[in-house]
Protein backbone atom coordinates (compact mmCIF):
# COMPACT_ATOMS: atom_id res chain seq x y z
CA MET A 1 166.74 72.97 114.52
CA ASP A 2 163.72 70.73 115.08
CA GLN A 3 160.10 71.84 114.65
CA ASN A 4 159.64 72.57 118.37
CA GLU A 5 162.62 74.94 118.46
CA ALA A 6 161.57 76.53 115.17
CA VAL A 7 158.12 77.30 116.54
CA LEU A 8 159.54 78.75 119.78
CA ALA A 9 161.99 80.91 117.82
CA TYR A 10 159.22 82.23 115.57
CA ILE A 11 156.93 83.07 118.52
CA ARG A 12 159.84 84.76 120.31
CA ALA A 13 160.48 86.92 117.25
CA HIS A 14 156.77 87.56 116.61
CA PRO A 15 154.94 87.85 119.95
CA GLY A 16 151.19 87.80 119.53
CA THR A 17 151.30 85.66 116.37
CA SER A 18 148.59 83.24 115.28
CA ALA A 19 148.71 79.56 114.35
CA HIS A 20 147.91 80.50 110.74
CA ASP A 21 150.97 82.80 110.55
CA ILE A 22 153.21 80.11 112.07
CA LYS A 23 151.96 77.46 109.61
CA GLU A 24 152.41 79.72 106.59
CA SER A 25 155.90 80.88 107.66
CA LEU A 26 157.37 77.53 108.79
CA ASN A 27 155.43 75.28 106.40
CA ILE A 28 154.41 72.89 109.18
CA PRO A 29 151.35 70.66 108.71
CA GLU A 30 148.34 72.01 110.57
CA ARG A 31 147.76 68.89 112.69
CA THR A 32 151.41 68.73 113.72
CA LEU A 33 151.48 72.46 114.53
CA PHE A 34 148.45 72.33 116.81
CA ARG A 35 149.91 69.33 118.63
CA LEU A 36 153.20 71.18 119.20
CA LEU A 37 151.38 74.32 120.39
CA LYS A 38 149.25 72.32 122.81
CA GLU A 39 152.31 70.57 124.25
CA MET A 40 154.23 73.86 124.63
CA VAL A 41 151.28 75.52 126.38
CA GLN A 42 151.03 72.57 128.80
CA ALA A 43 154.80 72.76 129.39
CA LYS A 44 154.38 76.54 130.05
CA GLN A 45 156.88 77.37 127.33
CA ILE A 46 154.35 79.63 125.61
CA SER A 47 151.13 81.39 126.61
CA ARG A 48 147.85 81.37 124.75
CA PHE A 49 145.45 84.34 124.58
CA GLY A 50 141.97 84.93 123.11
CA HIS A 51 139.23 82.63 121.89
CA LYS A 52 138.56 80.86 118.61
CA PRO A 53 139.02 81.95 115.90
CA HIS A 54 141.18 84.79 117.31
CA ILE A 55 143.84 82.90 119.32
CA ILE A 56 147.40 84.26 119.59
CA TYR A 57 150.59 82.88 121.16
CA THR A 58 153.54 84.51 122.99
CA ILE A 59 156.53 83.27 124.94
CA ALA A 60 155.49 82.49 128.55
CA GLY A 61 155.68 85.59 130.76
CA ILE A 62 155.52 88.05 127.85
CA SER A 63 152.32 89.94 127.12
CA PRO A 64 151.16 90.05 123.50
CA ALA A 65 151.68 93.19 121.44
CA GLY A 66 149.24 95.98 122.15
CA ARG A 67 147.55 95.67 118.80
CA ASN A 68 146.71 92.03 119.51
CA LYS A 69 145.35 92.45 123.01
CA THR A 70 141.87 92.91 121.58
CA ALA A 71 140.85 90.49 118.85
CA ASP A 72 139.45 91.94 115.68
CA PRO A 73 135.65 91.86 115.72
CA PRO A 74 134.17 89.31 113.28
CA LEU A 75 132.54 90.71 110.15
CA VAL A 76 129.58 88.32 110.38
CA SER A 77 128.50 86.70 113.68
CA LEU A 78 125.40 85.95 115.69
CA GLN A 79 125.95 89.21 117.57
CA ILE A 80 125.26 92.64 116.09
CA THR A 81 128.64 94.19 115.29
CA ASN A 82 129.10 97.81 114.34
CA PRO A 83 130.71 97.75 110.85
CA ILE A 84 132.32 101.15 111.53
CA THR A 85 134.49 99.56 114.23
CA TYR A 86 135.72 96.91 111.81
CA LEU A 87 136.48 99.55 109.15
CA LYS A 88 138.47 101.63 111.65
CA ILE A 89 140.64 98.65 112.59
CA TRP A 90 141.13 97.75 108.92
CA TRP A 91 142.11 101.35 108.07
CA GLY A 92 144.56 101.41 110.99
CA LYS A 93 146.29 98.32 109.61
CA VAL A 94 146.54 99.87 106.15
CA MET A 95 147.93 103.18 107.49
CA GLY A 96 150.49 101.29 109.60
CA ASN A 97 151.81 99.54 106.47
CA GLU A 98 150.88 96.24 108.03
CA GLY A 99 148.88 95.00 105.06
CA VAL A 100 145.78 92.88 105.12
CA ASP A 101 145.62 89.18 104.23
CA LEU A 102 141.94 88.79 103.38
CA HIS A 103 140.34 85.37 103.02
CA LEU A 104 136.64 85.85 102.29
CA LYS A 105 134.09 83.12 101.74
CA ILE A 106 130.48 84.32 101.64
CA LYS A 107 127.48 82.03 101.34
CA PRO A 108 124.42 83.22 99.37
CA LEU A 109 122.21 84.01 102.39
CA THR A 110 125.06 85.88 104.10
CA ALA A 111 125.67 87.91 100.94
CA ILE A 112 121.99 88.89 100.76
CA ALA A 113 122.05 89.97 104.43
CA MET A 114 125.18 92.10 103.81
CA VAL A 115 123.59 93.82 100.78
CA VAL A 116 120.42 94.60 102.77
CA ALA A 117 122.46 95.92 105.74
CA LEU A 118 124.66 98.16 103.59
CA SER A 119 121.76 99.50 101.52
CA GLY A 120 119.57 100.13 104.58
CA GLY A 121 122.26 102.22 106.32
CA SER A 122 122.55 104.74 103.50
CA PHE A 123 120.41 107.89 103.43
CA VAL A 124 120.79 108.27 99.66
CA LEU A 125 119.80 104.96 98.12
CA GLY A 126 120.40 104.48 94.41
CA ARG A 127 119.72 101.51 92.26
CA ILE A 128 121.31 98.33 93.60
CA THR A 129 122.58 95.78 91.10
CA LEU A 130 122.84 92.37 92.73
CA PRO A 131 125.67 90.04 91.63
CA GLU A 132 124.60 87.18 89.42
CA PRO A 133 125.30 84.46 92.09
CA ILE A 134 122.78 86.22 94.36
CA VAL A 135 120.15 86.91 91.71
CA LYS A 136 119.63 83.20 91.04
CA TYR A 137 118.46 82.69 94.65
CA ILE A 138 115.70 85.30 94.29
CA PRO A 139 112.48 83.61 93.22
CA GLN A 140 111.12 84.75 89.88
CA LEU A 141 107.40 84.98 89.22
CA ALA A 142 106.31 82.96 86.19
CA PRO A 143 103.92 84.79 83.83
CA SER A 144 100.32 83.64 84.17
CA PRO A 145 98.98 81.85 81.09
CA SER A 146 96.61 83.84 78.87
CA PRO A 147 92.99 82.65 78.96
CA ASN A 148 91.73 80.79 75.91
CA PRO A 149 89.45 83.18 73.95
CA TRP A 150 87.67 80.31 72.16
CA ARG A 151 84.59 78.72 73.73
CA GLU A 152 81.79 76.41 72.66
CA ALA A 153 78.71 78.40 71.60
CA ALA A 154 75.50 78.20 69.57
CA TYR A 155 73.68 81.10 67.87
CA THR A 156 70.56 81.48 65.76
CA GLY A 157 70.28 84.07 63.01
CA LYS A 158 70.03 84.78 59.32
CA VAL A 159 72.90 83.89 56.97
CA VAL A 160 74.05 86.83 54.84
CA GLU A 161 76.89 87.22 52.34
CA SER A 162 79.26 90.13 51.60
CA ASN A 163 82.52 90.18 49.61
CA GLN A 164 82.44 86.38 49.33
CA LYS A 165 82.30 86.04 53.11
CA TYR A 166 79.39 84.68 55.11
CA TYR A 167 78.00 86.23 58.26
CA LEU A 168 75.32 85.38 60.78
CA ASP A 169 73.01 88.22 61.76
CA THR A 170 71.99 87.37 65.32
CA ALA A 171 69.76 89.13 67.83
CA ASP A 172 72.17 88.43 70.73
CA VAL A 173 75.66 89.54 69.65
CA GLY A 174 74.99 91.24 66.34
CA VAL A 175 76.73 90.19 63.12
CA ILE A 176 79.45 87.55 63.47
CA THR A 177 81.75 86.06 60.84
CA LEU A 178 81.22 82.41 59.90
CA GLU A 179 84.09 80.02 59.14
CA ALA A 180 82.78 76.64 58.05
CA PRO A 181 84.41 73.42 56.81
CA GLN A 182 83.56 71.93 53.43
CA ASN A 183 80.88 69.66 54.86
CA VAL A 184 78.83 72.72 55.90
CA ASN A 185 77.28 74.29 52.75
CA LEU A 186 76.82 77.94 53.71
CA PRO A 187 75.77 79.09 50.18
CA LYS A 188 72.82 76.73 50.38
CA LEU A 189 71.76 78.35 53.66
CA LEU A 190 72.04 81.92 52.37
CA ASN A 191 69.20 84.21 53.53
CA ARG A 192 67.80 81.48 55.74
CA ARG A 193 67.49 81.34 59.51
CA ILE A 194 69.79 78.68 60.96
CA LEU A 195 71.18 77.36 64.23
CA ALA A 196 75.02 77.47 64.08
CA ILE A 197 77.15 75.55 66.60
CA GLY A 198 80.94 75.81 67.00
CA GLN A 199 83.88 77.59 68.63
CA TYR A 200 83.27 81.32 69.15
CA ASN A 201 85.91 84.02 69.75
CA GLN A 202 84.32 87.05 71.40
CA LEU A 203 87.36 89.27 70.76
CA ILE A 204 87.30 88.97 66.96
CA LYS A 205 83.65 87.84 66.66
CA ILE A 206 84.34 84.73 64.58
CA LEU A 207 82.37 81.47 64.86
CA LYS A 208 84.13 78.34 63.57
CA VAL A 209 81.07 76.34 62.56
CA THR A 210 81.01 72.64 63.29
CA ALA A 211 77.30 72.11 62.61
CA ALA A 212 74.51 74.17 61.04
CA THR A 213 70.79 73.37 61.10
CA ASP A 214 68.26 75.05 58.81
CA MET A 215 65.37 76.27 60.94
CA GLU A 216 63.10 77.03 57.93
CA LEU A 217 62.78 73.53 56.46
CA LEU A 218 59.44 72.93 54.72
CA PRO A 219 57.98 69.53 53.78
CA THR A 220 58.82 68.44 50.24
CA GLN A 221 55.22 67.24 49.54
CA VAL A 222 52.07 69.23 50.12
CA ILE A 223 49.84 67.39 52.55
CA PRO A 224 46.17 68.23 51.85
CA VAL A 225 44.14 69.26 54.81
CA PRO A 226 40.74 67.46 54.81
CA THR A 227 37.71 69.75 54.86
CA THR A 228 34.02 68.97 55.29
CA THR A 229 31.06 70.65 53.61
CA PRO A 230 28.55 71.72 56.19
CA SER A 231 25.04 70.21 55.66
CA PRO A 232 22.19 72.72 55.24
CA SER A 233 20.03 73.32 58.22
CA PRO A 234 16.47 71.94 57.86
CA ILE A 235 13.74 74.48 57.15
CA LEU A 236 10.95 74.23 59.64
CA PRO A 237 7.37 74.91 58.44
CA THR A 238 5.79 78.03 59.73
CA LEU A 239 2.54 77.83 61.53
């Protein structure tokens, strides 16, 4: 029996069958099968019903089986399809012991649309856990960077000491802690009014001193101030 006769025999025994069923049952290459089906339709040996992707074949002059007269509605299409209709047809196949050969390939955007449609149709909506392949397509918000609390600042005040730590008593922000490198001699400036420049942290009130200027410097030598002795006023004779 050649391939043409084998296909005719299968369609005669299974009216309303599809090209996929024929290919799987007879193990005929897809390109060869579609060529044979096209030639048999043109020769009016078989009849073709439906539209892609729901096309069925019967022997010419024989109507397809009642269950195949109406093609199953697609699960996802450009038209709005009632999912209840699809579930009824699927349940009818299961109850008739027909079985379901399910080939499902869902792209990420289609999967998201299905989850939204199913969750929106429920009156009692619980927590929805999205599958991991879908979660990676949802954009995640990156945490905003924390602002830098350190800023350049300069304060004037009196240097005081307590528990071997040095502080600057200012009129603007109160008492702030001083942290100075070795080149800044804070003990020498103790109890003096200075101008301190550096990085200031308002949250913990610490000034990392980079430069300190003594504002109470006095000249090392006493400069005499010249004075003049006033000359006596002349005494005028009385008349």
